[in-house]
Amino acid sequence: MKKIILKSVAVFMAVVVGAGLLYHNELYRLYKVVYLFEESNIVDNFQNMTEFFPYSTIDKGNAKHQFEISPKPLIKSVKFQGEDFDIETLLQSTNTTGFIVIKDEKIIHEYYALGNTIDGLNISWSLNKSFVSALIGIALEEGLIASVEDPITLYVEQLKGSGYDGVSIKNILQMSSGVVFNEDYVDFNSDINRMGRVIALGSSINEFAATLQAGKPAGQYHHYVSMDTQVLGILLKQVTGKTPSEYLEEKIWSKLGMRSNARWLIDDMGMELVFGTLNATLRDYARFGQLYLNQGNWQGQQIIPENWVKDSITPDAAHLMPGDNEKSSSRFGYGYQWWLPPEHEGDFLGRGVYGQYIYVNPEKNVVIARTAANPHWRAGDKTSQVMVKMFQEIARSL
């Protein structure tokens, strides 16, 4: 009996070791995903995502662009709900790894911390949704998409039978698909965390998106769903015949004189995780913000259609309006993958979980970009609101 038990244990251990060797990459990625946002790891993880996930490279091309540098002092503090917040303390306490302020296309303030550098690639998370929006606008201009009013399943048959069946591209752009999706990063069993584990273990992100189902009628309620952006990525690949990385490189990245090549994480099938995994430098995020401030024009060349830029930052239905809104899960307004602050004054922003931002204020001719890895970040919390208020007050002061 003892020999049988020992033999059984040996067989079990051989299976475990064999599985570990066979699925080493997947198990390592799973470990990294489970502990991705832990306070002791988050800063290093956000600056090194491409070390444990496969990625595609977006080449910067041969175009050259340099921001002129003209340092100016910033305001020292910002008041929010009767409380004064020291800006330097606010940036440090929220694990800001990069912060840049551009006025009249000149860098007036630039800051790096916690191991980040001017050439460091930082993950943008949902900030990259605004890049996907730009690509949809270009594809529409090129006639690859007939209308944003078209149902996405007219182009992507894979989504038939899912919650996206019959939903218009416009409703998906405006995060109003009606698809059920729990985006709570703190909840281990939320859809967003479940999705992360699925990807880590080597499954298809597109197949995961096709499993989601509807909970509300489309176009009536604004609810943030990261998979809405992922299905836009599927749409791009279908209509362009190119990967989102290839299309981004050709249409935008190679034309702006970017400082560095960017990297977009992909699943094991080679599909970009376009819901939020673009990695780039702080200055290159700022260049993209400057492109939108210039209404899609870059040094005389119209990169993104001007009317698309306008539509992207203009909420056109009641459920998309900023402020207290019973038809929205957020006080921020929403356009085509761009946010409008609750106290909207013509400004707009892209933002990512745990603290990434591109803030654009056309009236003041100001662009602000920020990278961060704030483990205490929560959607809609006071610190996040103060951050946007700080951007607005800096712009006003200039």
Protein backbone atom coordinates (compact mmCIF):
# COMPACT_ATOMS: atom_id res chain seq x y z
CA MET A 1 0.00 0.00 0.00
CA LYS A 2 2.82 2.37 0.90
CA LYS A 3 4.44 1.78 -2.50
CA ILE A 4 1.14 2.48 -4.24
CA ILE A 5 0.70 5.75 -2.32
CA LEU A 6 4.24 6.85 -3.07
CA LYS A 7 3.78 5.98 -6.73
CA SER A 8 0.53 7.98 -6.84
CA VAL A 9 2.22 10.99 -5.24
CA ALA A 10 5.08 10.74 -7.71
CA VAL A 11 2.65 10.65 -10.64
CA PHE A 12 0.73 13.63 -9.23
CA MET A 13 3.93 15.63 -8.75
CA ALA A 14 5.05 14.77 -12.27
CA VAL A 15 1.72 16.05 -13.62
CA VAL A 16 2.03 19.28 -11.60
CA VAL A 17 5.62 19.85 -12.73
CA GLY A 18 4.70 19.02 -16.29
CA ALA A 19 1.77 21.42 -16.24
CA GLY A 20 4.03 24.08 -14.77
CA LEU A 21 6.54 23.64 -17.58
CA LEU A 22 3.86 23.53 -20.25
CA TYR A 23 1.91 26.53 -19.00
CA HIS A 24 4.77 28.52 -17.46
CA ASN A 25 4.04 31.75 -19.34
CA GLU A 26 0.30 31.57 -18.67
CA LEU A 27 0.77 30.86 -14.95
CA TYR A 28 3.30 33.68 -14.61
CA ARG A 29 0.96 36.11 -16.37
CA LEU A 30 -1.91 34.96 -14.19
CA TYR A 31 0.19 35.65 -11.10
CA LYS A 32 1.06 39.12 -12.40
CA VAL A 33 -2.59 39.89 -13.24
CA VAL A 34 -3.85 38.79 -9.82
CA TYR A 35 -1.31 41.05 -8.08
CA LEU A 36 -1.21 43.76 -10.75
CA PHE A 37 -2.60 46.55 -8.58
CA GLU A 38 -0.96 45.63 -5.28
CA GLU A 39 0.61 48.69 -3.66
CA SER A 40 4.08 47.12 -3.50
CA ASN A 41 4.04 46.19 -7.21
CA ILE A 42 1.85 48.67 -9.02
CA VAL A 43 4.45 51.29 -9.99
CA ASP A 44 6.88 48.74 -11.41
CA ASN A 45 4.08 46.83 -13.14
CA PHE A 46 2.71 49.90 -14.90
CA GLN A 47 6.15 50.71 -16.32
CA ASN A 48 6.99 47.16 -17.37
CA MET A 49 3.80 45.56 -18.69
CA THR A 50 5.54 44.35 -21.84
CA GLU A 51 7.86 42.16 -19.79
CA PHE A 52 5.10 39.68 -19.02
CA PHE A 53 2.58 40.23 -21.83
CA PRO A 54 3.17 39.84 -25.57
CA TYR A 55 2.85 43.04 -27.57
CA SER A 56 2.89 44.56 -31.01
CA THR A 57 5.13 47.54 -31.83
CA ILE A 58 3.85 50.80 -33.31
CA ASP A 59 6.76 52.41 -35.15
CA LYS A 60 7.27 56.15 -34.75
CA GLY A 61 8.45 56.52 -38.34
CA ASN A 62 10.73 59.25 -39.64
CA ALA A 63 8.72 62.39 -38.80
CA LYS A 64 10.43 64.67 -36.29
CA HIS A 65 8.78 66.94 -33.74
CA GLN A 66 10.15 68.71 -30.69
CA PHE A 67 8.14 70.77 -28.25
CA GLU A 68 9.77 74.07 -27.40
CA ILE A 69 10.57 74.25 -23.70
CA SER A 70 9.61 77.44 -21.87
CA PRO A 71 9.43 76.78 -18.09
CA LYS A 72 6.90 78.70 -16.03
CA PRO A 73 5.79 78.29 -12.42
CA LEU A 74 2.46 76.60 -11.76
CA ILE A 75 -0.09 77.56 -9.15
CA LYS A 76 0.73 76.07 -5.75
CA SER A 77 -2.67 74.77 -4.67
CA VAL A 78 -6.23 74.10 -5.74
CA LYS A 79 -9.43 74.48 -3.74
CA PHE A 80 -12.09 71.76 -3.91
CA GLN A 81 -15.25 71.61 -1.81
CA GLY A 82 -13.84 74.18 0.58
CA GLU A 83 -10.54 72.35 1.10
CA ASP A 84 -7.10 73.46 -0.12
CA PHE A 85 -4.90 70.86 -1.82
CA ASP A 86 -1.19 71.49 -2.31
CA ILE A 87 -0.44 70.44 -5.90
CA GLU A 88 3.05 69.07 -5.25
CA THR A 89 1.77 66.99 -2.34
CA LEU A 90 -1.21 65.82 -4.40
CA LEU A 91 1.01 64.60 -7.23
CA GLN A 92 3.39 62.80 -4.89
CA SER A 93 0.72 61.20 -2.73
CA THR A 94 -1.06 59.74 -5.77
CA ASN A 95 2.03 58.06 -7.24
CA THR A 96 2.33 60.40 -10.19
CA THR A 97 5.12 59.05 -12.37
CA GLY A 98 4.96 61.76 -15.05
CA PHE A 99 3.27 65.15 -15.38
CA ILE A 100 3.54 67.59 -18.29
CA VAL A 101 1.84 70.93 -18.98
CA ILE A 102 1.86 72.40 -22.49
CA LYS A 103 0.71 75.95 -23.22
CA ASP A 104 0.72 77.36 -26.76
CA GLU A 105 2.56 74.19 -27.87
CA LYS A 106 5.41 74.88 -25.43
CA ILE A 107 6.32 72.69 -22.47
CA ILE A 108 6.08 74.93 -19.42
CA HIS A 109 6.31 72.17 -16.80
CA GLU A 110 7.56 68.57 -16.88
CA TYR A 111 8.00 66.17 -13.99
CA TYR A 112 9.08 62.52 -13.64
CA ALA A 113 9.22 60.33 -10.55
CA LEU A 114 9.29 56.79 -9.17
CA GLY A 115 11.67 55.45 -11.79
CA ASN A 116 9.92 56.93 -14.81
CA THR A 117 11.94 58.92 -17.34
CA ILE A 118 11.38 60.99 -20.46
CA ASP A 119 11.82 57.80 -22.52
CA GLY A 120 9.90 55.49 -20.21
CA LEU A 121 6.92 53.60 -21.65
CA ASN A 122 3.89 53.74 -19.37
CA ILE A 123 0.66 51.84 -19.72
CA SER A 124 -2.30 54.13 -20.39
CA TRP A 125 -5.16 51.79 -19.50
CA SER A 126 -8.47 53.32 -20.58
CA LEU A 127 -6.76 56.48 -21.72
CA ASN A 128 -6.05 54.56 -24.93
CA LYS A 129 -9.80 54.34 -25.65
CA SER A 130 -9.53 57.86 -27.06
CA PHE A 131 -6.94 56.60 -29.57
CA VAL A 132 -9.38 53.89 -30.70
CA SER A 133 -12.04 56.56 -31.21
CA ALA A 134 -9.68 58.48 -33.49
CA LEU A 135 -9.10 55.37 -35.60
CA ILE A 136 -12.84 54.79 -35.96
CA GLY A 137 -13.20 58.39 -37.19
CA ILE A 138 -10.47 57.87 -39.78
CA ALA A 139 -12.00 54.58 -40.97
CA LEU A 140 -15.36 56.36 -41.34
CA GLU A 141 -13.73 59.15 -43.36
CA GLU A 142 -12.10 56.57 -45.62
CA GLY A 143 -15.47 54.95 -46.35
CA LEU A 144 -14.55 51.69 -44.61
CA ILE A 145 -17.52 52.27 -42.29
CA ALA A 146 -20.64 53.67 -43.94
CA SER A 147 -22.19 55.24 -40.84
CA VAL A 148 -21.85 55.16 -37.07
CA GLU A 149 -25.59 54.50 -37.03
CA ASP A 150 -24.94 51.09 -38.55
CA PRO A 151 -25.23 48.08 -36.23
CA ILE A 152 -21.79 46.70 -35.47
CA THR A 153 -22.98 43.23 -36.47
CA LEU A 154 -23.31 44.49 -40.03
CA TYR A 155 -19.50 44.33 -40.07
CA VAL A 156 -18.66 41.83 -37.30
CA GLU A 157 -20.68 38.63 -37.59
CA GLN A 158 -18.80 37.18 -34.61
CA LEU A 159 -20.92 39.38 -32.32
CA LYS A 160 -24.27 38.08 -33.53
CA GLY A 161 -26.16 36.48 -30.66
CA SER A 162 -24.21 38.53 -28.09
CA GLY A 163 -25.30 41.65 -26.25
CA TYR A 164 -23.86 43.65 -29.15
CA ASP A 165 -26.16 42.13 -31.75
CA GLY A 166 -27.92 45.02 -33.52
CA VAL A 167 -26.29 47.72 -31.36
CA SER A 168 -25.13 50.76 -33.33
CA ILE A 169 -21.47 51.70 -33.55
CA LYS A 170 -22.44 55.10 -32.16
CA ASN A 171 -24.01 53.63 -29.03
CA ILE A 172 -20.86 51.58 -28.48
CA LEU A 173 -18.64 54.64 -28.95
CA GLN A 174 -20.74 56.46 -26.35
CA MET A 175 -20.59 53.64 -23.79
CA SER A 176 -24.33 53.18 -24.13
CA SER A 177 -24.42 49.65 -25.50
CA GLY A 178 -26.63 48.32 -22.71
CA VAL A 179 -24.27 45.37 -22.23
CA VAL A 180 -23.91 44.08 -18.67
CA PHE A 181 -20.34 44.49 -17.39
CA ASN A 182 -19.00 44.97 -13.86
CA GLU A 183 -15.91 47.22 -14.03
CA ASP A 184 -15.06 47.12 -10.30
CA TYR A 185 -11.31 46.51 -10.05
CA VAL A 186 -11.56 45.84 -6.32
CA ASP A 187 -14.04 42.97 -6.77
CA PHE A 188 -12.05 39.81 -7.56
CA ASN A 189 -15.07 38.30 -9.33
CA SER A 190 -15.95 41.38 -11.41
CA ASP A 191 -16.13 41.08 -15.18
CA ILE A 192 -13.05 43.24 -15.66
CA ASN A 193 -10.95 41.08 -13.34
CA ARG A 194 -12.40 37.85 -14.75
CA MET A 195 -11.44 39.13 -18.19
CA GLY A 196 -7.87 39.73 -17.04
CA ARG A 197 -7.54 36.15 -15.85
CA VAL A 198 -9.02 34.82 -19.10
CA ILE A 199 -6.42 36.74 -21.14
CA ALA A 200 -3.57 35.72 -18.83
CA LEU A 201 -4.38 32.05 -19.36
CA GLY A 202 -4.16 32.43 -23.12
CA SER A 203 -7.78 32.70 -24.22
CA SER A 204 -9.14 35.05 -26.88
CA ILE A 205 -10.27 38.52 -25.80
CA ASN A 206 -12.62 38.68 -28.78
CA GLU A 207 -14.30 35.42 -27.81
CA PHE A 208 -14.73 36.75 -24.29
CA ALA A 209 -16.39 39.92 -25.62
CA ALA A 210 -18.82 37.80 -27.64
CA THR A 211 -20.05 36.09 -24.44
CA LEU A 212 -21.43 39.30 -22.93
CA GLN A 213 -25.17 39.90 -22.89
CA ALA A 214 -27.46 42.93 -22.80
CA GLY A 215 -29.03 44.27 -19.62
CA LYS A 216 -30.57 47.52 -20.85
CA PRO A 217 -31.84 48.83 -24.18
CA ALA A 218 -28.99 50.40 -26.16
CA GLY A 219 -28.71 54.17 -26.42
CA GLN A 220 -30.63 55.07 -23.26
CA TYR A 221 -28.19 54.81 -20.37
CA HIS A 222 -24.50 55.67 -20.08
CA HIS A 223 -22.58 52.90 -18.33
CA TYR A 224 -18.84 52.42 -18.71
CA VAL A 225 -18.01 49.08 -20.34
CA SER A 226 -14.41 48.42 -21.37
CA MET A 227 -15.53 45.68 -23.73
CA ASP A 228 -17.37 48.33 -25.77
CA THR A 229 -13.95 49.56 -26.87
CA GLN A 230 -12.68 46.05 -27.48
CA VAL A 231 -15.47 45.37 -29.98
CA LEU A 232 -14.54 48.63 -31.71
CA GLY A 233 -11.09 47.12 -32.10
CA ILE A 234 -12.62 44.03 -33.68
CA LEU A 235 -14.54 46.35 -36.01
CA LEU A 236 -11.34 48.16 -37.02
CA LYS A 237 -9.55 44.94 -37.82
CA GLN A 238 -12.50 43.70 -39.86
CA VAL A 239 -13.02 46.81 -41.99
CA THR A 240 -9.38 47.85 -42.48
CA GLY A 241 -7.86 44.42 -42.98
CA LYS A 242 -5.10 45.56 -40.62
CA THR A 243 -4.43 45.12 -36.95
CA PRO A 244 -5.25 48.12 -34.73
CA SER A 245 -1.49 48.54 -34.21
CA GLU A 246 -0.82 48.69 -37.94
CA TYR A 247 -3.65 51.15 -38.47
CA LEU A 248 -2.54 53.36 -35.57
CA GLU A 249 1.02 53.38 -36.89
CA GLU A 250 -0.01 54.24 -40.43
CA LYS A 251 -2.65 56.87 -39.68
CA ILE A 252 -1.40 58.62 -36.54
CA TRP A 253 1.79 57.45 -34.82
CA SER A 254 4.14 57.77 -37.78
CA LYS A 255 2.87 61.26 -38.60
CA LEU A 256 3.19 63.16 -35.31
CA GLY A 257 6.95 63.00 -34.82
CA MET A 258 6.52 60.80 -31.78
CA ARG A 259 9.46 60.43 -29.44
CA SER A 260 9.32 56.65 -29.20
CA ASN A 261 7.82 53.53 -30.63
CA ALA A 262 4.72 52.50 -28.72
CA ARG A 263 3.70 49.01 -27.65
CA TRP A 264 0.20 47.57 -27.56
CA LEU A 265 -0.39 44.41 -25.54
CA ILE A 266 -1.95 41.51 -27.42
CA ASP A 267 -3.57 38.23 -26.48
CA ASP A 268 -2.17 34.87 -27.53
CA MET A 269 -4.19 35.06 -30.75
CA GLY A 270 -2.37 38.29 -31.68
CA MET A 271 -5.34 40.61 -31.06
CA GLU A 272 -4.61 43.95 -29.43
CA LEU A 273 -6.19 44.48 -26.03
CA VAL A 274 -7.58 47.79 -27.23
CA PHE A 275 -9.73 48.30 -24.14
CA GLY A 276 -6.65 49.78 -22.48
CA THR A 277 -3.09 48.51 -22.89
CA LEU A 278 -1.21 50.98 -25.09
CA ASN A 279 2.25 51.79 -23.68
CA ALA A 280 3.91 55.08 -24.62
CA THR A 281 5.95 58.00 -23.28
CA LEU A 282 4.43 60.94 -21.47
CA ARG A 283 5.37 63.40 -24.24
CA ASP A 284 3.75 61.19 -26.87
CA TYR A 285 0.50 61.11 -24.90
CA ALA A 286 0.74 64.89 -24.81
CA ARG A 287 1.27 65.04 -28.59
CA PHE A 288 -1.97 63.15 -29.08
CA GLY A 289 -3.71 65.67 -26.83
CA GLN A 290 -2.22 68.49 -28.88
CA LEU A 291 -3.55 66.84 -32.04
CA TYR A 292 -7.07 67.01 -30.60
CA LEU A 293 -6.55 70.57 -29.40
CA ASN A 294 -5.65 71.37 -33.03
CA GLN A 295 -8.95 69.77 -34.13
CA GLY A 296 -7.17 66.82 -35.69
CA ASN A 297 -4.69 68.90 -37.68
CA TRP A 298 -0.93 68.43 -37.34
CA GLN A 299 1.36 70.96 -38.98
CA GLY A 300 -1.05 71.54 -41.83
CA GLN A 301 -2.08 67.92 -42.37
CA GLN A 302 -5.56 66.82 -41.31
CA ILE A 303 -4.82 63.56 -39.47
CA ILE A 304 -8.24 63.07 -37.86
CA PRO A 305 -11.34 64.54 -39.55
CA GLU A 306 -12.21 67.86 -37.92
CA ASN A 307 -15.90 67.00 -37.70
CA TRP A 308 -15.00 63.75 -35.93
CA VAL A 309 -13.03 65.61 -33.28
CA LYS A 310 -16.02 67.90 -32.71
CA ASP A 311 -18.48 65.00 -32.52
CA SER A 312 -16.15 63.10 -30.18
CA ILE A 313 -16.30 65.79 -27.51
CA THR A 314 -19.95 66.77 -27.89
CA PRO A 315 -22.52 64.80 -25.88
CA ASP A 316 -25.65 64.67 -28.03
CA ALA A 317 -28.20 62.91 -25.81
CA ALA A 318 -29.61 63.38 -22.31
CA HIS A 319 -27.87 60.32 -20.87
CA LEU A 320 -24.46 61.67 -21.95
CA MET A 321 -24.63 65.10 -20.34
CA PRO A 322 -22.18 66.07 -17.54
CA GLY A 323 -23.35 66.76 -14.01
CA ASP A 324 -25.92 64.94 -11.91
CA ASN A 325 -27.62 62.61 -14.36
CA GLU A 326 -30.04 59.82 -13.47
CA LYS A 327 -29.43 58.29 -16.90
CA SER A 328 -25.71 57.87 -16.32
CA SER A 329 -23.51 56.01 -13.86
CA SER A 330 -21.08 58.96 -13.84
CA ARG A 331 -21.16 62.71 -13.21
CA PHE A 332 -18.80 63.12 -16.15
CA GLY A 333 -20.31 63.63 -19.58
CA TYR A 334 -19.30 61.43 -22.48
CA GLY A 335 -18.70 61.68 -26.22
CA TYR A 336 -16.93 59.22 -28.47
CA GLN A 337 -14.54 57.70 -25.91
CA TRP A 338 -13.76 61.13 -24.40
CA TRP A 339 -14.96 62.49 -21.04
CA LEU A 340 -16.45 65.92 -20.25
CA PRO A 341 -15.86 67.29 -16.72
CA PRO A 342 -18.92 67.85 -14.50
CA GLU A 343 -18.17 71.59 -14.54
CA HIS A 344 -17.72 71.60 -18.29
CA GLU A 345 -16.17 74.67 -19.92
CA GLY A 346 -15.30 73.38 -23.37
CA ASP A 347 -12.53 71.17 -21.98
CA PHE A 348 -12.36 67.40 -22.27
CA LEU A 349 -10.19 64.50 -21.22
CA GLY A 350 -9.20 60.89 -21.64
CA ARG A 351 -8.46 58.96 -18.49
CA GLY A 352 -7.25 55.57 -17.34
CA VAL A 353 -7.69 53.50 -14.21
CA TYR A 354 -5.32 54.36 -11.35
CA GLY A 355 -4.59 57.81 -12.66
CA GLN A 356 -3.60 58.36 -16.32
CA TYR A 357 -4.92 61.48 -18.08
CA ILE A 358 -4.81 63.57 -21.20
CA TYR A 359 -6.59 66.85 -20.46
CA VAL A 360 -7.32 69.35 -23.26
CA ASN A 361 -8.53 72.92 -22.79
CA PRO A 362 -8.98 74.55 -26.23
CA GLU A 363 -9.97 77.96 -24.84
CA LYS A 364 -6.72 78.26 -22.88
CA ASN A 365 -4.65 76.40 -25.51
CA VAL A 366 -3.46 73.99 -22.82
CA VAL A 367 -2.73 70.26 -22.86
CA ILE A 368 -1.88 68.35 -19.68
CA ALA A 369 -0.80 64.70 -19.62
CA ARG A 370 -0.20 62.53 -16.58
CA THR A 371 0.98 58.99 -15.93
CA ALA A 372 0.44 57.43 -12.54
CA ALA A 373 0.08 54.20 -10.58
CA ASN A 374 -2.08 55.20 -7.63
CA PRO A 375 -3.05 52.04 -5.69
CA HIS A 376 -5.72 53.97 -3.76
CA TRP A 377 -7.48 55.22 -6.89
CA ARG A 378 -11.22 54.67 -7.10
CA ALA A 379 -13.53 55.80 -9.89
CA GLY A 380 -15.36 58.93 -8.83
CA ASP A 381 -13.53 59.33 -5.53
CA LYS A 382 -12.56 62.71 -4.16
CA THR A 383 -8.92 62.52 -5.21
CA SER A 384 -9.93 61.83 -8.83
CA GLN A 385 -12.28 64.81 -8.77
CA VAL A 386 -9.57 67.02 -7.27
CA MET A 387 -7.17 65.96 -10.04
CA VAL A 388 -9.52 67.18 -12.77
CA LYS A 389 -10.19 70.36 -10.83
CA MET A 390 -6.42 70.88 -10.63
CA PHE A 391 -6.10 70.55 -14.41
CA GLN A 392 -8.84 73.14 -14.90
CA GLU A 393 -7.29 75.59 -12.42
CA ILE A 394 -3.82 75.24 -13.92
CA ALA A 395 -5.25 75.96 -17.38
CA ARG A 396 -7.19 78.99 -16.13
CA SER A 397 -4.10 80.38 -14.39
CA LEU A 398 -2.09 80.31 -17.61
